[in-house]
């Protein structure tokens, strides 16, 4: 399975600043400062306040012009690379 197919299989979702599900990743209306995206499984494993914290961190740094903003420690996503596949 290719990397793009693997990414799509994770069902990435937008996280709004209040911690709620904003729909599929890539559908943010604000293209200059988009919402935080997380895989659905990671999003469901976090509390609403943890989701809101990582989304607010992304929005605050994005407003200052930062393009890449790391997740909060609780929301960190590990990308496991499989050898030979």
PDB file of N, CA and C in Angstrom:
ATOM      1  N   UNK A   1       0.856  -1.174   0.000  1.00  0.00           N
ATOM      2  CA  UNK A   1       0.000   0.000   0.000  1.00  0.00           C
ATOM      3  C   UNK A   1       0.902   1.237   0.000  1.00  0.00           C
ATOM      4  N   UNK A   2       0.596   2.183  -0.865  1.00  0.00           N
ATOM      5  CA  UNK A   2       1.380   3.410  -0.957  1.00  0.00           C
ATOM      6  C   UNK A   2       1.129   4.327   0.238  1.00  0.00           C
ATOM      7  N   UNK A   3       2.004   5.303   0.392  1.00  0.00           N
ATOM      8  CA  UNK A   3       1.906   6.232   1.524  1.00  0.00           C
ATOM      9  C   UNK A   3       0.598   7.040   1.493  1.00  0.00           C
ATOM     10  N   UNK A   4       0.188   7.485   0.316  1.00  0.00           N
ATOM     11  CA  UNK A   4      -1.047   8.261   0.229  1.00  0.00           C
ATOM     12  C   UNK A   4      -2.253   7.411   0.609  1.00  0.00           C
ATOM     13  N   UNK A   5      -2.284   6.184   0.142  1.00  0.00           N
ATOM     14  CA  UNK A   5      -3.387   5.281   0.486  1.00  0.00           C
ATOM     15  C   UNK A   5      -3.404   4.997   1.986  1.00  0.00           C
ATOM     16  N   UNK A   6      -2.223   4.852   2.576  1.00  0.00           N
ATOM     17  CA  UNK A   6      -2.123   4.613   4.020  1.00  0.00           C
ATOM     18  C   UNK A   6      -2.637   5.833   4.799  1.00  0.00           C
ATOM     19  N   UNK A   7      -2.274   7.042   4.316  1.00  0.00           N
ATOM     20  CA  UNK A   7      -2.716   8.274   4.955  1.00  0.00           C
ATOM     21  C   UNK A   7      -4.242   8.401   4.868  1.00  0.00           C
ATOM     22  N   UNK A   8      -4.806   8.100   3.701  1.00  0.00           N
ATOM     23  CA  UNK A   8      -6.263   8.194   3.520  1.00  0.00           C
ATOM     24  C   UNK A   8      -6.998   7.184   4.392  1.00  0.00           C
ATOM     25  N   UNK A   9      -6.401   6.020   4.598  1.00  0.00           N
ATOM     26  CA  UNK A   9      -7.024   4.977   5.419  1.00  0.00           C
ATOM     27  C   UNK A   9      -7.110   5.395   6.885  1.00  0.00           C
ATOM     28  N   UNK A  10      -6.283   6.351   7.293  1.00  0.00           N
ATOM     29  CA  UNK A  10      -6.307   6.825   8.685  1.00  0.00           C
ATOM     30  C   UNK A  10      -7.470   7.781   8.945  1.00  0.00           C
ATOM     31  N   UNK A  11      -8.151   8.241   7.901  1.00  0.00           N
ATOM     32  CA  UNK A  11      -9.319   9.110   8.026  1.00  0.00           C
ATOM     33  C   UNK A  11      -9.001  10.366   8.853  1.00  0.00           C
ATOM     34  N   UNK A  12      -8.174  11.242   8.317  1.00  0.00           N
ATOM     35  CA  UNK A  12      -7.779  12.465   9.008  1.00  0.00           C
ATOM     36  C   UNK A  12      -8.960  13.436   9.066  1.00  0.00           C
ATOM     37  N   UNK A  13      -9.141  14.071  10.222  1.00  0.00           N
ATOM     38  CA  UNK A  13     -10.263  14.977  10.479  1.00  0.00           C
ATOM     39  C   UNK A  13      -9.739  16.330  10.968  1.00  0.00           C
ATOM     40  N   UNK A  14     -10.504  17.389  10.670  1.00  0.00           N
ATOM     41  CA  UNK A  14     -10.186  18.731  11.176  1.00  0.00           C
ATOM     42  C   UNK A  14     -10.650  18.846  12.625  1.00  0.00           C
ATOM     43  N   UNK A  15      -9.887  19.557  13.433  1.00  0.00           N
ATOM     44  CA  UNK A  15     -10.258  19.806  14.823  1.00  0.00           C
ATOM     45  C   UNK A  15     -10.496  21.304  14.961  1.00  0.00           C
ATOM     46  N   UNK A  16     -11.695  21.686  15.349  1.00  0.00           N
ATOM     47  CA  UNK A  16     -12.015  23.101  15.541  1.00  0.00           C
ATOM     48  C   UNK A  16     -11.415  23.592  16.857  1.00  0.00           C
ATOM     49  N   UNK A  17     -11.360  24.896  17.041  1.00  0.00           N
ATOM     50  CA  UNK A  17     -10.777  25.493  18.240  1.00  0.00           C
ATOM     51  C   UNK A  17     -11.518  25.124  19.520  1.00  0.00           C
ATOM     52  N   UNK A  18     -12.775  24.708  19.398  1.00  0.00           N
ATOM     53  CA  UNK A  18     -13.519  24.299  20.590  1.00  0.00           C
ATOM     54  C   UNK A  18     -13.350  22.805  20.877  1.00  0.00           C
ATOM     55  N   UNK A  19     -12.570  22.106  20.035  1.00  0.00           N
ATOM     56  CA  UNK A  19     -12.299  20.687  20.245  1.00  0.00           C
ATOM     57  C   UNK A  19     -13.251  19.756  19.530  1.00  0.00           C
ATOM     58  N   UNK A  20     -14.181  20.297  18.767  1.00  0.00           N
ATOM     59  CA  UNK A  20     -15.139  19.440  18.059  1.00  0.00           C
ATOM     60  C   UNK A  20     -14.603  19.045  16.681  1.00  0.00           C
ATOM     61  N   UNK A  21     -15.235  18.051  16.087  1.00  0.00           N
ATOM     62  CA  UNK A  21     -14.869  17.546  14.765  1.00  0.00           C
ATOM     63  C   UNK A  21     -15.362  18.532  13.712  1.00  0.00           C
ATOM     64  N   UNK A  22     -14.457  18.972  12.847  1.00  0.00           N
ATOM     65  CA  UNK A  22     -14.813  19.949  11.821  1.00  0.00           C
ATOM     66  C   UNK A  22     -15.000  19.363  10.447  1.00  0.00           C
ATOM     67  N   UNK A  23     -14.962  18.040  10.328  1.00  0.00           N
ATOM     68  CA  UNK A  23     -15.128  17.404   9.028  1.00  0.00           C
ATOM     69  C   UNK A  23     -13.806  16.898   8.491  1.00  0.00           C
ATOM     70  N   UNK A  24     -13.768  16.500   7.238  1.00  0.00           N
ATOM     71  CA  UNK A  24     -12.542  15.957   6.652  1.00  0.00           C
ATOM     72  C   UNK A  24     -11.414  16.988   6.607  1.00  0.00           C
ATOM     73  N   UNK A  25     -10.194  16.517   6.732  1.00  0.00           N
ATOM     74  CA  UNK A  25      -9.024  17.385   6.649  1.00  0.00           C
ATOM     75  C   UNK A  25      -8.957  18.009   5.255  1.00  0.00           C
ATOM     76  N   UNK A  26      -8.565  19.269   5.184  1.00  0.00           N
ATOM     77  CA  UNK A  26      -8.439  19.943   3.902  1.00  0.00           C
ATOM     78  C   UNK A  26      -9.664  20.728   3.497  1.00  0.00           C
ATOM     79  N   UNK A  27     -10.675  20.790   4.367  1.00  0.00           N
ATOM     80  CA  UNK A  27     -11.898  21.513   4.024  1.00  0.00           C
ATOM     81  C   UNK A  27     -12.041  22.822   4.803  1.00  0.00           C
ATOM     82  N   UNK A  28     -10.949  23.295   5.414  1.00  0.00           N
ATOM     83  CA  UNK A  28     -10.996  24.539   6.178  1.00  0.00           C
ATOM     84  C   UNK A  28     -11.251  25.718   5.240  1.00  0.00           C
ATOM     85  N   UNK A  29     -12.130  26.620   5.628  1.00  0.00           N
ATOM     86  CA  UNK A  29     -12.439  27.786   4.807  1.00  0.00           C
ATOM     87  C   UNK A  29     -11.291  28.799   4.841  1.00  0.00           C
ATOM     88  N   UNK A  30     -10.569  28.843   5.965  1.00  0.00           N
ATOM     89  CA  UNK A  30      -9.459  29.773   6.116  1.00  0.00           C
ATOM     90  C   UNK A  30      -8.188  29.117   5.562  1.00  0.00           C
ATOM     91  N   UNK A  31      -7.839  29.415   4.326  1.00  0.00           N
ATOM     92  CA  UNK A  31      -6.693  28.770   3.673  1.00  0.00           C
ATOM     93  C   UNK A  31      -5.359  29.313   4.184  1.00  0.00           C
ATOM     94  N   UNK A  32      -5.328  30.550   4.694  1.00  0.00           N
ATOM     95  CA  UNK A  32      -4.087  31.137   5.215  1.00  0.00           C
ATOM     96  C   UNK A  32      -3.727  30.561   6.580  1.00  0.00           C
ATOM     97  N   UNK A  33      -4.737  30.215   7.383  1.00  0.00           N
ATOM     98  CA  UNK A  33      -4.513  29.688   8.734  1.00  0.00           C
ATOM     99  C   UNK A  33      -5.484  28.524   8.963  1.00  0.00           C
ATOM    100  N   UNK A  34      -5.185  27.359   8.380  1.00  0.00           N
ATOM    101  CA  UNK A  34      -6.119  26.228   8.465  1.00  0.00           C
ATOM    102  C   UNK A  34      -6.198  25.608   9.857  1.00  0.00           C
ATOM    103  N   UNK A  35      -7.231  24.807  10.055  1.00  0.00           N
ATOM    104  CA  UNK A  35      -7.428  24.108  11.325  1.00  0.00           C
ATOM    105  C   UNK A  35      -6.423  22.975  11.474  1.00  0.00           C
ATOM    106  N   UNK A  36      -6.275  22.490  12.705  1.00  0.00           N
ATOM    107  CA  UNK A  36      -5.432  21.330  13.009  1.00  0.00           C
ATOM    108  C   UNK A  36      -6.110  20.080  12.459  1.00  0.00           C
ATOM    109  N   UNK A  37      -5.341  19.170  11.921  1.00  0.00           N
ATOM    110  CA  UNK A  37      -5.853  17.881  11.447  1.00  0.00           C
ATOM    111  C   UNK A  37      -5.199  16.750  12.222  1.00  0.00           C
ATOM    112  N   UNK A  38      -6.006  15.755  12.569  1.00  0.00           N
ATOM    113  CA  UNK A  38      -5.530  14.574  13.290  1.00  0.00           C
ATOM    114  C   UNK A  38      -6.218  13.339  12.720  1.00  0.00           C
ATOM    115  N   UNK A  39      -5.557  12.168  12.818  1.00  0.00           N
ATOM    116  CA  UNK A  39      -6.247  10.942  12.425  1.00  0.00           C
ATOM    117  C   UNK A  39      -7.447  10.728  13.358  1.00  0.00           C
ATOM    118  N   UNK A  40      -8.505  10.152  12.830  1.00  0.00           N
ATOM    119  CA  UNK A  40      -9.725   9.984  13.611  1.00  0.00           C
ATOM    120  C   UNK A  40      -9.475   9.170  14.882  1.00  0.00           C
ATOM    121  N   UNK A  41      -8.633   8.142  14.800  1.00  0.00           N
ATOM    122  CA  UNK A  41      -8.355   7.322  15.980  1.00  0.00           C
ATOM    123  C   UNK A  41      -7.656   8.147  17.067  1.00  0.00           C
ATOM    124  N   UNK A  42      -6.724   9.033  16.686  1.00  0.00           N
ATOM    125  CA  UNK A  42      -6.033   9.890  17.658  1.00  0.00           C
ATOM    126  C   UNK A  42      -7.002  10.907  18.223  1.00  0.00           C
ATOM    127  N   UNK A  43      -7.848  11.456  17.361  1.00  0.00           N
ATOM    128  CA  UNK A  43      -8.820  12.455  17.805  1.00  0.00           C
ATOM    129  C   UNK A  43      -9.777  11.862  18.836  1.00  0.00           C
ATOM    130  N   UNK A  44     -10.219  10.619  18.608  1.00  0.00           N
ATOM    131  CA  UNK A  44     -11.133   9.972  19.538  1.00  0.00           C
ATOM    132  C   UNK A  44     -10.455   9.581  20.847  1.00  0.00           C
ATOM    133  N   UNK A  45      -9.127   9.440  20.836  1.00  0.00           N
ATOM    134  CA  UNK A  45      -8.419   9.053  22.059  1.00  0.00           C
ATOM    135  C   UNK A  45      -8.161  10.247  22.982  1.00  0.00           C
ATOM    136  N   UNK A  46      -8.355  11.468  22.475  1.00  0.00           N
ATOM    137  CA  UNK A  46      -8.127  12.676  23.265  1.00  0.00           C
ATOM    138  C   UNK A  46      -9.435  13.207  23.842  1.00  0.00           C
ATOM    139  N   UNK A  47      -9.320  13.891  24.972  1.00  0.00           N
ATOM    140  CA  UNK A  47     -10.506  14.549  25.528  1.00  0.00           C
ATOM    141  C   UNK A  47     -10.792  15.805  24.702  1.00  0.00           C
ATOM    142  N   UNK A  48     -11.970  16.358  24.867  1.00  0.00           N
ATOM    143  CA  UNK A  48     -12.346  17.550  24.111  1.00  0.00           C
ATOM    144  C   UNK A  48     -11.412  18.717  24.440  1.00  0.00           C
ATOM    145  N   UNK A  49     -10.995  18.836  25.702  1.00  0.00           N
ATOM    146  CA  UNK A  49     -10.097  19.929  26.084  1.00  0.00           C
ATOM    147  C   UNK A  49      -8.702  19.736  25.491  1.00  0.00           C
ATOM    148  N   UNK A  50      -8.237  18.486  25.368  1.00  0.00           N
ATOM    149  CA  UNK A  50      -6.935  18.223  24.745  1.00  0.00           C
ATOM    150  C   UNK A  50      -6.980  18.543  23.257  1.00  0.00           C
ATOM    151  N   UNK A  51      -8.085  18.202  22.598  1.00  0.00           N
ATOM    152  CA  UNK A  51      -8.243  18.538  21.181  1.00  0.00           C
ATOM    153  C   UNK A  51      -8.279  20.051  20.997  1.00  0.00           C
ATOM    154  N   UNK A  52      -8.988  20.747  21.880  1.00  0.00           N
ATOM    155  CA  UNK A  52      -9.093  22.205  21.792  1.00  0.00           C
ATOM    156  C   UNK A  52      -7.721  22.850  22.004  1.00  0.00           C
ATOM    157  N   UNK A  53      -6.916  22.307  22.924  1.00  0.00           N
ATOM    158  CA  UNK A  53      -5.600  22.877  23.209  1.00  0.00           C
ATOM    159  C   UNK A  53      -4.684  22.812  21.994  1.00  0.00           C
ATOM    160  N   UNK A  54      -4.647  21.673  21.313  1.00  0.00           N
ATOM    161  CA  UNK A  54      -3.774  21.549  20.145  1.00  0.00           C
ATOM    162  C   UNK A  54      -4.294  22.393  18.981  1.00  0.00           C
ATOM    163  N   UNK A  55      -5.606  22.502  18.831  1.00  0.00           N
ATOM    164  CA  UNK A  55      -6.184  23.328  17.761  1.00  0.00           C
ATOM    165  C   UNK A  55      -5.907  24.809  18.014  1.00  0.00           C
ATOM    166  N   UNK A  56      -6.038  25.247  19.255  1.00  0.00           N
ATOM    167  CA  UNK A  56      -5.777  26.653  19.602  1.00  0.00           C
ATOM    168  C   UNK A  56      -4.302  26.992  19.413  1.00  0.00           C
ATOM    169  N   UNK A  57      -3.411  26.040  19.743  1.00  0.00           N
ATOM    170  CA  UNK A  57      -1.972  26.253  19.558  1.00  0.00           C
ATOM    171  C   UNK A  57      -1.674  26.472  18.079  1.00  0.00           C
ATOM    172  N   UNK A  58      -2.278  25.665  17.212  1.00  0.00           N
ATOM    173  CA  UNK A  58      -2.063  25.791  15.764  1.00  0.00           C
ATOM    174  C   UNK A  58      -2.607  27.125  15.250  1.00  0.00           C
ATOM    175  N   UNK A  59      -3.797  27.507  15.680  1.00  0.00           N
ATOM    176  CA  UNK A  59      -4.403  28.761  15.228  1.00  0.00           C
ATOM    177  C   UNK A  59      -3.597  29.971  15.692  1.00  0.00           C
ATOM    178  N   UNK A  60      -3.125  29.950  16.953  1.00  0.00           N
ATOM    179  CA  UNK A  60      -2.372  31.086  17.496  1.00  0.00           C
ATOM    180  C   UNK A  60      -1.047  31.269  16.764  1.00  0.00           C
ATOM    181  N   UNK A  61      -0.324  30.187  16.527  1.00  0.00           N
ATOM    182  CA  UNK A  61       0.957  30.280  15.820  1.00  0.00           C
ATOM    183  C   UNK A  61       0.737  30.612  14.344  1.00  0.00           C
ATOM    184  N   UNK A  62      -0.330  30.085  13.759  1.00  0.00           N
ATOM    185  CA  UNK A  62      -0.641  30.380  12.359  1.00  0.00           C
ATOM    186  C   UNK A  62      -0.969  31.838  12.142  1.00  0.00           C
ATOM    187  N   UNK A  63      -1.586  32.466  13.137  1.00  0.00           N
ATOM    188  CA  UNK A  63      -1.914  33.884  13.038  1.00  0.00           C
ATOM    189  C   UNK A  63      -0.643  34.740  13.019  1.00  0.00           C
ATOM    190  N   UNK A  64       0.447  34.202  13.577  1.00  0.00           N
ATOM    191  CA  UNK A  64       1.734  34.904  13.581  1.00  0.00           C
ATOM    192  C   UNK A  64       2.561  34.582  12.348  1.00  0.00           C
ATOM    193  N   UNK A  65       2.010  33.785  11.440  1.00  0.00           N
ATOM    194  CA  UNK A  65       2.685  33.482  10.193  1.00  0.00           C
ATOM    195  C   UNK A  65       3.408  32.144  10.145  1.00  0.00           C
ATOM    196  N   UNK A  66       3.343  31.351  11.209  1.00  0.00           N
ATOM    197  CA  UNK A  66       4.012  30.049  11.210  1.00  0.00           C
ATOM    198  C   UNK A  66       3.196  29.058  10.387  1.00  0.00           C
ATOM    199  N   UNK A  67       3.886  28.300   9.550  1.00  0.00           N
ATOM    200  CA  UNK A  67       3.199  27.320   8.710  1.00  0.00           C
ATOM    201  C   UNK A  67       3.157  25.955   9.385  1.00  0.00           C
ATOM    202  N   UNK A  68       4.253  25.564  10.010  1.00  0.00           N
ATOM    203  CA  UNK A  68       4.331  24.258  10.656  1.00  0.00           C
ATOM    204  C   UNK A  68       4.363  24.446  12.162  1.00  0.00           C
ATOM    205  N   UNK A  69       3.368  23.902  12.851  1.00  0.00           N
ATOM    206  CA  UNK A  69       3.239  24.025  14.289  1.00  0.00           C
ATOM    207  C   UNK A  69       3.110  22.620  14.870  1.00  0.00           C
ATOM    208  N   UNK A  70       3.975  22.270  15.828  1.00  0.00           N
ATOM    209  CA  UNK A  70       3.929  20.929  16.401  1.00  0.00           C
ATOM    210  C   UNK A  70       2.692  20.762  17.274  1.00  0.00           C
ATOM    211  N   UNK A  71       2.279  19.511  17.420  1.00  0.00           N
ATOM    212  CA  UNK A  71       1.144  19.186  18.288  1.00  0.00           C
ATOM    213  C   UNK A  71       1.535  19.335  19.751  1.00  0.00           C
ATOM    214  N   UNK A  72       0.546  19.390  20.619  1.00  0.00           N
ATOM    215  CA  UNK A  72       0.804  19.306  22.039  1.00  0.00           C
ATOM    216  C   UNK A  72       1.268  17.874  22.329  1.00  0.00           C
ATOM    217  N   UNK A  73       1.972  17.631  23.444  1.00  0.00           N
ATOM    218  CA  UNK A  73       2.469  16.274  23.722  1.00  0.00           C
ATOM    219  C   UNK A  73       1.381  15.195  23.696  1.00  0.00           C
ATOM    220  N   UNK A  74       0.204  15.484  24.204  1.00  0.00           N
ATOM    221  CA  UNK A  74      -0.877  14.491  24.223  1.00  0.00           C
ATOM    222  C   UNK A  74      -1.381  14.169  22.825  1.00  0.00           C
ATOM    223  N   UNK A  75      -1.304  15.124  21.916  1.00  0.00           N
ATOM    224  CA  UNK A  75      -1.858  14.948  20.572  1.00  0.00           C
ATOM    225  C   UNK A  75      -0.812  14.521  19.549  1.00  0.00           C
ATOM    226  N   UNK A  76       0.403  14.253  19.979  1.00  0.00           N
ATOM    227  CA  UNK A  76       1.461  13.870  19.054  1.00  0.00           C
ATOM    228  C   UNK A  76       1.107  12.575  18.328  1.00  0.00           C
ATOM    229  N   UNK A  77       1.293  12.560  17.023  1.00  0.00           N
ATOM    230  CA  UNK A  77       0.979  11.398  16.192  1.00  0.00           C
ATOM    231  C   UNK A  77       2.279  10.733  15.799  1.00  0.00           C
ATOM    232  N   UNK A  78       2.391   9.430  16.076  1.00  0.00           N
ATOM    233  CA  UNK A  78       3.606   8.714  15.669  1.00  0.00           C
ATOM    234  C   UNK A  78       3.350   8.058  14.322  1.00  0.00           C
ATOM    235  N   UNK A  79       4.287   8.217  13.439  1.00  0.00           N
ATOM    236  CA  UNK A  79       4.192   7.626  12.111  1.00  0.00           C
ATOM    237  C   UNK A  79       5.117   6.424  12.093  1.00  0.00           C
ATOM    238  N   UNK A  80       4.530   5.248  12.115  1.00  0.00           N
ATOM    239  CA  UNK A  80       5.319   4.029  12.101  1.00  0.00           C
ATOM    240  C   UNK A  80       5.571   3.621  10.656  1.00  0.00           C
ATOM    241  N   UNK A  81       6.820   3.576  10.293  1.00  0.00           N
ATOM    242  CA  UNK A  81       7.203   3.189   8.933  1.00  0.00           C
ATOM    243  C   UNK A  81       7.437   1.684   8.918  1.00  0.00           C
ATOM    244  N   UNK A  82       6.753   1.002   8.020  1.00  0.00           N
ATOM    245  CA  UNK A  82       6.908  -0.448   7.900  1.00  0.00           C
ATOM    246  C   UNK A  82       7.950  -0.742   6.824  1.00  0.00           C
ATOM    247  N   UNK A  83       8.931  -1.546   7.178  1.00  0.00           N
ATOM    248  CA  UNK A  83       9.951  -1.930   6.203  1.00  0.00           C
ATOM    249  C   UNK A  83       9.429  -3.046   5.319  1.00  0.00           C
ATOM    250  N   UNK A  84       9.713  -2.957   4.042  1.00  0.00           N
ATOM    251  CA  UNK A  84       9.347  -3.997   3.112  1.00  0.00           C
ATOM    252  C   UNK A  84       7.922  -3.944   2.605  1.00  0.00           C
ATOM    253  N   UNK A  85       7.180  -2.892   2.953  1.00  0.00           N
ATOM    254  CA  UNK A  85       5.794  -2.780   2.473  1.00  0.00           C
ATOM    255  C   UNK A  85       5.564  -1.449   1.821  1.00  0.00           C
TER     256      UNK A  85
END
